């Protein structure tokens, strides 16, 4: 929830791809998006966090007041191995 230059009244933020669905992010992700120009990648869930068997990453991009989000899910890598992409979706 917030206000923006495009909508100077209280409203739920959303993505360009899903304007009818409110975008829910962690506070630190909103702050990262605000402070960075261009696309950024942030970890949403680490391997093992809350028993997770995968790692989830968000790619966030805001330009001209419009937000784009991609979510990627990876395998948890063993020591010396690389994580592998399982799924990618646009939010």
PDB file of N, CA and C in Angstrom:
ATOM      1  N   UNK A   1       0.847  -1.170   0.000  1.00  0.00           N
ATOM      2  CA  UNK A   1       0.000   0.000   0.000  1.00  0.00           C
ATOM      3  C   UNK A   1       0.892   1.232   0.000  1.00  0.00           C
ATOM      4  N   UNK A   2       0.438   2.249  -0.708  1.00  0.00           N
ATOM      5  CA  UNK A   2       1.193   3.488  -0.725  1.00  0.00           C
ATOM      6  C   UNK A   2       0.613   4.452  -1.744  1.00  0.00           C
ATOM      7  N   UNK A   3       1.374   5.506  -2.000  1.00  0.00           N
ATOM      8  CA  UNK A   3       0.983   6.457  -3.030  1.00  0.00           C
ATOM      9  C   UNK A   3       2.139   6.572  -4.015  1.00  0.00           C
ATOM     10  N   UNK A   4       1.831   6.952  -5.219  1.00  0.00           N
ATOM     11  CA  UNK A   4       2.859   7.104  -6.243  1.00  0.00           C
ATOM     12  C   UNK A   4       2.539   8.334  -7.080  1.00  0.00           C
ATOM     13  N   UNK A   5       3.480   8.709  -7.928  1.00  0.00           N
ATOM     14  CA  UNK A   5       3.237   9.862  -8.801  1.00  0.00           C
ATOM     15  C   UNK A   5       2.086   9.589  -9.761  1.00  0.00           C
ATOM     16  N   UNK A   6       1.986   8.341 -10.212  1.00  0.00           N
ATOM     17  CA  UNK A   6       0.910   7.985 -11.142  1.00  0.00           C
ATOM     18  C   UNK A   6      -0.460   7.972 -10.475  1.00  0.00           C
ATOM     19  N   UNK A   7      -0.487   7.537  -9.200  1.00  0.00           N
ATOM     20  CA  UNK A   7      -1.733   7.475  -8.431  1.00  0.00           C
ATOM     21  C   UNK A   7      -1.480   8.142  -7.086  1.00  0.00           C
ATOM     22  N   UNK A   8      -1.727   9.447  -6.985  1.00  0.00           N
ATOM     23  CA  UNK A   8      -1.410  10.170  -5.744  1.00  0.00           C
ATOM     24  C   UNK A   8      -2.416   9.958  -4.622  1.00  0.00           C
ATOM     25  N   UNK A   9      -3.068   8.821  -4.606  1.00  0.00           N
ATOM     26  CA  UNK A   9      -3.963   8.444  -3.514  1.00  0.00           C
ATOM     27  C   UNK A   9      -3.552   7.054  -3.028  1.00  0.00           C
ATOM     28  N   UNK A  10      -3.941   6.678  -1.838  1.00  0.00           N
ATOM     29  CA  UNK A  10      -3.571   5.382  -1.278  1.00  0.00           C
ATOM     30  C   UNK A  10      -4.108   4.254  -2.162  1.00  0.00           C
ATOM     31  N   UNK A  11      -3.240   3.337  -2.533  1.00  0.00           N
ATOM     32  CA  UNK A  11      -3.635   2.209  -3.381  1.00  0.00           C
ATOM     33  C   UNK A  11      -2.647   1.052  -3.186  1.00  0.00           C
ATOM     34  N   UNK A  12      -3.052  -0.117  -3.648  1.00  0.00           N
ATOM     35  CA  UNK A  12      -2.165  -1.286  -3.625  1.00  0.00           C
ATOM     36  C   UNK A  12      -1.285  -1.231  -4.872  1.00  0.00           C
ATOM     37  N   UNK A  13       0.009  -1.461  -4.693  1.00  0.00           N
ATOM     38  CA  UNK A  13       0.909  -1.528  -5.831  1.00  0.00           C
ATOM     39  C   UNK A  13       0.725  -2.865  -6.533  1.00  0.00           C
ATOM     40  N   UNK A  14       1.036  -2.890  -7.816  1.00  0.00           N
ATOM     41  CA  UNK A  14       0.899  -4.109  -8.605  1.00  0.00           C
ATOM     42  C   UNK A  14       1.959  -4.115  -9.699  1.00  0.00           C
ATOM     43  N   UNK A  15       1.988  -5.174 -10.484  1.00  0.00           N
ATOM     44  CA  UNK A  15       2.935  -5.253 -11.592  1.00  0.00           C
ATOM     45  C   UNK A  15       2.213  -4.921 -12.889  1.00  0.00           C
ATOM     46  N   UNK A  16       2.993  -4.600 -13.897  1.00  0.00           N
ATOM     47  CA  UNK A  16       2.441  -4.300 -15.212  1.00  0.00           C
ATOM     48  C   UNK A  16       1.692  -5.524 -15.751  1.00  0.00           C
ATOM     49  N   UNK A  17       2.259  -6.697 -15.531  1.00  0.00           N
ATOM     50  CA  UNK A  17       1.686  -7.930 -16.076  1.00  0.00           C
ATOM     51  C   UNK A  17       0.388  -8.340 -15.387  1.00  0.00           C
ATOM     52  N   UNK A  18       0.222  -8.003 -14.115  1.00  0.00           N
ATOM     53  CA  UNK A  18      -0.978  -8.369 -13.353  1.00  0.00           C
ATOM     54  C   UNK A  18      -1.508  -7.156 -12.592  1.00  0.00           C
ATOM     55  N   UNK A  19      -2.092  -6.188 -13.297  1.00  0.00           N
ATOM     56  CA  UNK A  19      -2.545  -4.952 -12.645  1.00  0.00           C
ATOM     57  C   UNK A  19      -3.690  -5.135 -11.655  1.00  0.00           C
ATOM     58  N   UNK A  20      -4.391  -6.243 -11.740  1.00  0.00           N
ATOM     59  CA  UNK A  20      -5.521  -6.467 -10.836  1.00  0.00           C
ATOM     60  C   UNK A  20      -5.115  -7.153  -9.533  1.00  0.00           C
ATOM     61  N   UNK A  21      -3.855  -7.606  -9.451  1.00  0.00           N
ATOM     62  CA  UNK A  21      -3.385  -8.366  -8.293  1.00  0.00           C
ATOM     63  C   UNK A  21      -2.403  -7.528  -7.463  1.00  0.00           C
ATOM     64  N   UNK A  22      -2.669  -7.309  -6.169  1.00  0.00           N
ATOM     65  CA  UNK A  22      -1.720  -6.551  -5.337  1.00  0.00           C
ATOM     66  C   UNK A  22      -0.371  -7.250  -5.252  1.00  0.00           C
ATOM     67  N   UNK A  23       0.698  -6.466  -5.314  1.00  0.00           N
ATOM     68  CA  UNK A  23       2.053  -6.995  -5.217  1.00  0.00           C
ATOM     69  C   UNK A  23       2.487  -6.990  -3.757  1.00  0.00           C
ATOM     70  N   UNK A  24       2.821  -8.163  -3.244  1.00  0.00           N
ATOM     71  CA  UNK A  24       3.243  -8.299  -1.847  1.00  0.00           C
ATOM     72  C   UNK A  24       4.729  -8.645  -1.835  1.00  0.00           C
ATOM     73  N   UNK A  25       5.529  -7.749  -1.243  1.00  0.00           N
ATOM     74  CA  UNK A  25       6.970  -7.948  -1.105  1.00  0.00           C
ATOM     75  C   UNK A  25       7.381  -7.699   0.338  1.00  0.00           C
ATOM     76  N   UNK A  26       8.545  -8.203   0.714  1.00  0.00           N
ATOM     77  CA  UNK A  26       9.101  -7.916   2.038  1.00  0.00           C
ATOM     78  C   UNK A  26       9.580  -6.463   2.059  1.00  0.00           C
ATOM     79  N   UNK A  27       9.622  -5.867   3.241  1.00  0.00           N
ATOM     80  CA  UNK A  27      10.030  -4.471   3.381  1.00  0.00           C
ATOM     81  C   UNK A  27      11.400  -4.247   2.745  1.00  0.00           C
ATOM     82  N   UNK A  28      12.353  -5.136   2.996  1.00  0.00           N
ATOM     83  CA  UNK A  28      13.690  -4.943   2.448  1.00  0.00           C
ATOM     84  C   UNK A  28      13.700  -5.007   0.920  1.00  0.00           C
ATOM     85  N   UNK A  29      12.765  -5.743   0.326  1.00  0.00           N
ATOM     86  CA  UNK A  29      12.684  -5.799  -1.132  1.00  0.00           C
ATOM     87  C   UNK A  29      12.146  -4.481  -1.699  1.00  0.00           C
ATOM     88  N   UNK A  30      11.146  -3.914  -1.025  1.00  0.00           N
ATOM     89  CA  UNK A  30      10.633  -2.598  -1.434  1.00  0.00           C
ATOM     90  C   UNK A  30      11.739  -1.560  -1.333  1.00  0.00           C
ATOM     91  N   UNK A  31      12.503  -1.594  -0.249  1.00  0.00           N
ATOM     92  CA  UNK A  31      13.585  -0.631  -0.058  1.00  0.00           C
ATOM     93  C   UNK A  31      14.666  -0.792  -1.126  1.00  0.00           C
ATOM     94  N   UNK A  32      15.002  -2.020  -1.463  1.00  0.00           N
ATOM     95  CA  UNK A  32      15.987  -2.274  -2.514  1.00  0.00           C
ATOM     96  C   UNK A  32      15.503  -1.733  -3.853  1.00  0.00           C
ATOM     97  N   UNK A  33      14.247  -1.942  -4.139  1.00  0.00           N
ATOM     98  CA  UNK A  33      13.660  -1.458  -5.390  1.00  0.00           C
ATOM     99  C   UNK A  33      13.693   0.066  -5.445  1.00  0.00           C
ATOM    100  N   UNK A  34      13.421   0.700  -4.338  1.00  0.00           N
ATOM    101  CA  UNK A  34      13.410   2.160  -4.268  1.00  0.00           C
ATOM    102  C   UNK A  34      14.805   2.752  -4.461  1.00  0.00           C
ATOM    103  N   UNK A  35      15.819   2.082  -3.936  1.00  0.00           N
ATOM    104  CA  UNK A  35      17.173   2.629  -3.920  1.00  0.00           C
ATOM    105  C   UNK A  35      18.003   2.284  -5.153  1.00  0.00           C
ATOM    106  N   UNK A  36      17.504   1.439  -6.025  1.00  0.00           N
ATOM    107  CA  UNK A  36      18.296   0.950  -7.142  1.00  0.00           C
ATOM    108  C   UNK A  36      17.672   1.337  -8.475  1.00  0.00           C
ATOM    109  N   UNK A  37      18.530   1.664  -9.420  1.00  0.00           N
ATOM    110  CA  UNK A  37      18.070   1.898 -10.792  1.00  0.00           C
ATOM    111  C   UNK A  37      18.380   0.642 -11.589  1.00  0.00           C
ATOM    112  N   UNK A  38      17.472   0.250 -12.441  1.00  0.00           N
ATOM    113  CA  UNK A  38      17.682  -0.961 -13.221  1.00  0.00           C
ATOM    114  C   UNK A  38      17.195  -2.178 -12.471  1.00  0.00           C
ATOM    115  N   UNK A  39      17.277  -3.332 -13.090  1.00  0.00           N
ATOM    116  CA  UNK A  39      16.809  -4.559 -12.443  1.00  0.00           C
ATOM    117  C   UNK A  39      17.739  -4.983 -11.306  1.00  0.00           C
ATOM    118  N   UNK A  40      17.151  -5.532 -10.251  1.00  0.00           N
ATOM    119  CA  UNK A  40      17.916  -6.074  -9.131  1.00  0.00           C
ATOM    120  C   UNK A  40      17.420  -7.477  -8.826  1.00  0.00           C
ATOM    121  N   UNK A  41      18.287  -8.258  -8.236  1.00  0.00           N
ATOM    122  CA  UNK A  41      17.911  -9.603  -7.806  1.00  0.00           C
ATOM    123  C   UNK A  41      18.047  -9.674  -6.298  1.00  0.00           C
ATOM    124  N   UNK A  42      16.998 -10.197  -5.654  1.00  0.00           N
ATOM    125  CA  UNK A  42      17.006 -10.361  -4.201  1.00  0.00           C
ATOM    126  C   UNK A  42      16.550 -11.774  -3.868  1.00  0.00           C
ATOM    127  N   UNK A  43      17.076 -12.307  -2.780  1.00  0.00           N
ATOM    128  CA  UNK A  43      16.660 -13.634  -2.328  1.00  0.00           C
ATOM    129  C   UNK A  43      15.381 -13.488  -1.520  1.00  0.00           C
ATOM    130  N   UNK A  44      14.371 -14.264  -1.879  1.00  0.00           N
ATOM    131  CA  UNK A  44      13.117 -14.265  -1.135  1.00  0.00           C
ATOM    132  C   UNK A  44      13.135 -15.357  -0.069  1.00  0.00           C
ATOM    133  N   UNK A  45      13.558 -16.554  -0.435  1.00  0.00           N
ATOM    134  CA  UNK A  45      13.712 -17.669   0.516  1.00  0.00           C
ATOM    135  C   UNK A  45      15.047 -18.343   0.269  1.00  0.00           C
ATOM    136  N   UNK A  46      15.824 -18.503   1.318  1.00  0.00           N
ATOM    137  CA  UNK A  46      17.094 -19.222   1.228  1.00  0.00           C
ATOM    138  C   UNK A  46      16.854 -20.723   1.364  1.00  0.00           C
ATOM    139  N   UNK A  47      17.772 -21.506   0.835  1.00  0.00           N
ATOM    140  CA  UNK A  47      17.721 -22.950   1.033  1.00  0.00           C
ATOM    141  C   UNK A  47      17.739 -23.246   2.532  1.00  0.00           C
ATOM    142  N   UNK A  48      16.840 -24.103   2.966  1.00  0.00           N
ATOM    143  CA  UNK A  48      16.775 -24.477   4.371  1.00  0.00           C
ATOM    144  C   UNK A  48      15.977 -23.533   5.249  1.00  0.00           C
ATOM    145  N   UNK A  49      15.658 -22.341   4.754  1.00  0.00           N
ATOM    146  CA  UNK A  49      14.884 -21.384   5.545  1.00  0.00           C
ATOM    147  C   UNK A  49      13.460 -21.911   5.703  1.00  0.00           C
ATOM    148  N   UNK A  50      13.025 -22.059   6.938  1.00  0.00           N
ATOM    149  CA  UNK A  50      11.704 -22.614   7.252  1.00  0.00           C
ATOM    150  C   UNK A  50      11.519 -24.000   6.622  1.00  0.00           C
ATOM    151  N   UNK A  51      12.596 -24.748   6.520  1.00  0.00           N
ATOM    152  CA  UNK A  51      12.533 -26.103   5.977  1.00  0.00           C
ATOM    153  C   UNK A  51      12.466 -26.159   4.458  1.00  0.00           C
ATOM    154  N   UNK A  52      12.699 -25.039   3.796  1.00  0.00           N
ATOM    155  CA  UNK A  52      12.614 -24.993   2.332  1.00  0.00           C
ATOM    156  C   UNK A  52      13.689 -25.872   1.693  1.00  0.00           C
ATOM    157  N   UNK A  53      13.292 -26.620   0.692  1.00  0.00           N
ATOM    158  CA  UNK A  53      14.224 -27.467  -0.047  1.00  0.00           C
ATOM    159  C   UNK A  53      14.646 -26.813  -1.358  1.00  0.00           C
ATOM    160  N   UNK A  54      14.238 -25.561  -1.562  1.00  0.00           N
ATOM    161  CA  UNK A  54      14.624 -24.794  -2.736  1.00  0.00           C
ATOM    162  C   UNK A  54      14.974 -23.370  -2.310  1.00  0.00           C
ATOM    163  N   UNK A  55      15.575 -22.628  -3.236  1.00  0.00           N
ATOM    164  CA  UNK A  55      15.878 -21.213  -3.006  1.00  0.00           C
ATOM    165  C   UNK A  55      15.043 -20.397  -3.991  1.00  0.00           C
ATOM    166  N   UNK A  56      14.448 -19.311  -3.519  1.00  0.00           N
ATOM    167  CA  UNK A  56      13.615 -18.470  -4.372  1.00  0.00           C
ATOM    168  C   UNK A  56      14.238 -17.088  -4.486  1.00  0.00           C
ATOM    169  N   UNK A  57      14.348 -16.628  -5.722  1.00  0.00           N
ATOM    170  CA  UNK A  57      14.947 -15.332  -6.020  1.00  0.00           C
ATOM    171  C   UNK A  57      13.930 -14.487  -6.785  1.00  0.00           C
ATOM    172  N   UNK A  58      13.916 -13.187  -6.505  1.00  0.00           N
ATOM    173  CA  UNK A  58      13.063 -12.264  -7.237  1.00  0.00           C
ATOM    174  C   UNK A  58      13.938 -11.320  -8.043  1.00  0.00           C
ATOM    175  N   UNK A  59      13.543 -11.075  -9.279  1.00  0.00           N
ATOM    176  CA  UNK A  59      14.168 -10.025 -10.080  1.00  0.00           C
ATOM    177  C   UNK A  59      13.154  -8.892 -10.157  1.00  0.00           C
ATOM    178  N   UNK A  60      13.522  -7.743  -9.619  1.00  0.00           N
ATOM    179  CA  UNK A  60      12.625  -6.593  -9.532  1.00  0.00           C
ATOM    180  C   UNK A  60      13.124  -5.484 -10.445  1.00  0.00           C
ATOM    181  N   UNK A  61      12.192  -4.838 -11.127  1.00  0.00           N
ATOM    182  CA  UNK A  61      12.555  -3.722 -11.984  1.00  0.00           C
ATOM    183  C   UNK A  61      11.424  -2.697 -11.950  1.00  0.00           C
ATOM    184  N   UNK A  62      11.781  -1.447 -11.719  1.00  0.00           N
ATOM    185  CA  UNK A  62      10.803  -0.360 -11.748  1.00  0.00           C
ATOM    186  C   UNK A  62      11.309   0.687 -12.731  1.00  0.00           C
ATOM    187  N   UNK A  63      10.452   1.052 -13.649  1.00  0.00           N
ATOM    188  CA  UNK A  63      10.809   2.107 -14.585  1.00  0.00           C
ATOM    189  C   UNK A  63       9.565   2.920 -14.904  1.00  0.00           C
ATOM    190  N   UNK A  64       9.708   4.223 -14.782  1.00  0.00           N
ATOM    191  CA  UNK A  64       8.607   5.160 -15.047  1.00  0.00           C
ATOM    192  C   UNK A  64       7.364   4.803 -14.224  1.00  0.00           C
ATOM    193  N   UNK A  65       7.591   4.376 -12.963  1.00  0.00           N
ATOM    194  CA  UNK A  65       6.473   4.076 -12.086  1.00  0.00           C
ATOM    195  C   UNK A  65       5.786   2.747 -12.348  1.00  0.00           C
ATOM    196  N   UNK A  66       6.364   1.930 -13.195  1.00  0.00           N
ATOM    197  CA  UNK A  66       5.787   0.626 -13.514  1.00  0.00           C
ATOM    198  C   UNK A  66       6.716  -0.461 -12.993  1.00  0.00           C
ATOM    199  N   UNK A  67       6.148  -1.474 -12.359  1.00  0.00           N
ATOM    200  CA  UNK A  67       6.942  -2.520 -11.703  1.00  0.00           C
ATOM    201  C   UNK A  67       6.812  -3.841 -12.466  1.00  0.00           C
ATOM    202  N   UNK A  68       7.958  -4.503 -12.623  1.00  0.00           N
ATOM    203  CA  UNK A  68       8.011  -5.841 -13.228  1.00  0.00           C
ATOM    204  C   UNK A  68       8.689  -6.763 -12.223  1.00  0.00           C
ATOM    205  N   UNK A  69       8.176  -7.991 -12.082  1.00  0.00           N
ATOM    206  CA  UNK A  69       8.768  -8.957 -11.144  1.00  0.00           C
ATOM    207  C   UNK A  69       8.827 -10.331 -11.797  1.00  0.00           C
ATOM    208  N   UNK A  70      10.000 -10.967 -11.721  1.00  0.00           N
ATOM    209  CA  UNK A  70      10.163 -12.366 -12.113  1.00  0.00           C
ATOM    210  C   UNK A  70      10.580 -13.131 -10.872  1.00  0.00           C
ATOM    211  N   UNK A  71      10.006 -14.296 -10.704  1.00  0.00           N
ATOM    212  CA  UNK A  71      10.373 -15.164  -9.583  1.00  0.00           C
ATOM    213  C   UNK A  71      11.037 -16.403 -10.148  1.00  0.00           C
ATOM    214  N   UNK A  72      12.200 -16.749  -9.584  1.00  0.00           N
ATOM    215  CA  UNK A  72      12.925 -17.946 -10.014  1.00  0.00           C
ATOM    216  C   UNK A  72      13.132 -18.862  -8.814  1.00  0.00           C
ATOM    217  N   UNK A  73      12.938 -20.145  -9.051  1.00  0.00           N
ATOM    218  CA  UNK A  73      13.142 -21.140  -7.996  1.00  0.00           C
ATOM    219  C   UNK A  73      14.288 -22.047  -8.417  1.00  0.00           C
ATOM    220  N   UNK A  74      15.228 -22.262  -7.490  1.00  0.00           N
ATOM    221  CA  UNK A  74      16.427 -23.055  -7.753  1.00  0.00           C
ATOM    222  C   UNK A  74      16.525 -24.232  -6.786  1.00  0.00           C
ATOM    223  N   UNK A  75      17.249 -25.255  -7.213  1.00  0.00           N
ATOM    224  CA  UNK A  75      17.573 -26.357  -6.314  1.00  0.00           C
ATOM    225  C   UNK A  75      18.580 -25.850  -5.283  1.00  0.00           C
ATOM    226  N   UNK A  76      18.633 -26.488  -4.145  1.00  0.00           N
ATOM    227  CA  UNK A  76      19.665 -26.193  -3.154  1.00  0.00           C
ATOM    228  C   UNK A  76      20.921 -26.945  -3.585  1.00  0.00           C
ATOM    229  N   UNK A  77      22.008 -26.233  -3.719  1.00  0.00           N
ATOM    230  CA  UNK A  77      23.247 -26.840  -4.218  1.00  0.00           C
ATOM    231  C   UNK A  77      24.068 -27.422  -3.068  1.00  0.00           C
ATOM    232  N   UNK A  78      24.609 -28.587  -3.307  1.00  0.00           N
ATOM    233  CA  UNK A  78      25.555 -29.179  -2.368  1.00  0.00           C
ATOM    234  C   UNK A  78      26.869 -28.419  -2.487  1.00  0.00           C
ATOM    235  N   UNK A  79      27.705 -28.553  -1.510  1.00  0.00           N
ATOM    236  CA  UNK A  79      28.996 -27.862  -1.516  1.00  0.00           C
ATOM    237  C   UNK A  79      29.767 -28.220  -2.793  1.00  0.00           C
ATOM    238  N   UNK A  80      30.236 -27.191  -3.493  1.00  0.00           N
ATOM    239  CA  UNK A  80      31.000 -27.400  -4.714  1.00  0.00           C
ATOM    240  C   UNK A  80      30.150 -27.551  -5.964  1.00  0.00           C
ATOM    241  N   UNK A  81      28.840 -27.548  -5.827  1.00  0.00           N
ATOM    242  CA  UNK A  81      27.945 -27.667  -6.985  1.00  0.00           C
ATOM    243  C   UNK A  81      27.215 -26.348  -7.204  1.00  0.00           C
ATOM    244  N   UNK A  82      26.659 -26.201  -8.402  1.00  0.00           N
ATOM    245  CA  UNK A  82      25.878 -25.011  -8.703  1.00  0.00           C
ATOM    246  C   UNK A  82      24.395 -25.313  -8.539  1.00  0.00           C
ATOM    247  N   UNK A  83      23.641 -24.277  -8.139  1.00  0.00           N
ATOM    248  CA  UNK A  83      22.189 -24.453  -8.064  1.00  0.00           C
ATOM    249  C   UNK A  83      21.637 -24.534  -9.485  1.00  0.00           C
ATOM    250  N   UNK A  84      20.487 -25.186  -9.637  1.00  0.00           N
ATOM    251  CA  UNK A  84      19.864 -25.389 -10.932  1.00  0.00           C
ATOM    252  C   UNK A  84      18.490 -24.767 -10.945  1.00  0.00           C
ATOM    253  N   UNK A  85      18.160 -24.048 -12.015  1.00  0.00           N
ATOM    254  CA  UNK A  85      16.849 -23.417 -12.147  1.00  0.00           C
ATOM    255  C   UNK A  85      15.778 -24.486 -12.312  1.00  0.00           C
ATOM    256  N   UNK A  86      14.734 -24.400 -11.463  1.00  0.00           N
ATOM    257  CA  UNK A  86      13.612 -25.327 -11.518  1.00  0.00           C
ATOM    258  C   UNK A  86      12.439 -24.696 -12.244  1.00  0.00           C
ATOM    259  N   UNK A  87      12.156 -23.424 -11.881  1.00  0.00           N
ATOM    260  CA  UNK A  87      10.954 -22.771 -12.392  1.00  0.00           C
ATOM    261  C   UNK A  87      11.181 -21.274 -12.450  1.00  0.00           C
ATOM    262  N   UNK A  88      10.577 -20.628 -13.455  1.00  0.00           N
ATOM    263  CA  UNK A  88      10.610 -19.173 -13.568  1.00  0.00           C
ATOM    264  C   UNK A  88       9.213 -18.716 -13.938  1.00  0.00           C
ATOM    265  N   UNK A  89       8.719 -17.669 -13.247  1.00  0.00           N
ATOM    266  CA  UNK A  89       7.411 -17.141 -13.584  1.00  0.00           C
ATOM    267  C   UNK A  89       7.385 -15.637 -13.389  1.00  0.00           C
ATOM    268  N   UNK A  90       6.529 -14.993 -14.148  1.00  0.00           N
ATOM    269  CA  UNK A  90       6.327 -13.553 -14.051  1.00  0.00           C
ATOM    270  C   UNK A  90       5.199 -13.321 -13.059  1.00  0.00           C
ATOM    271  N   UNK A  91       5.439 -12.407 -12.111  1.00  0.00           N
ATOM    272  CA  UNK A  91       4.422 -12.093 -11.115  1.00  0.00           C
ATOM    273  C   UNK A  91       3.772 -10.767 -11.439  1.00  0.00           C
TER     274      UNK A  91
END
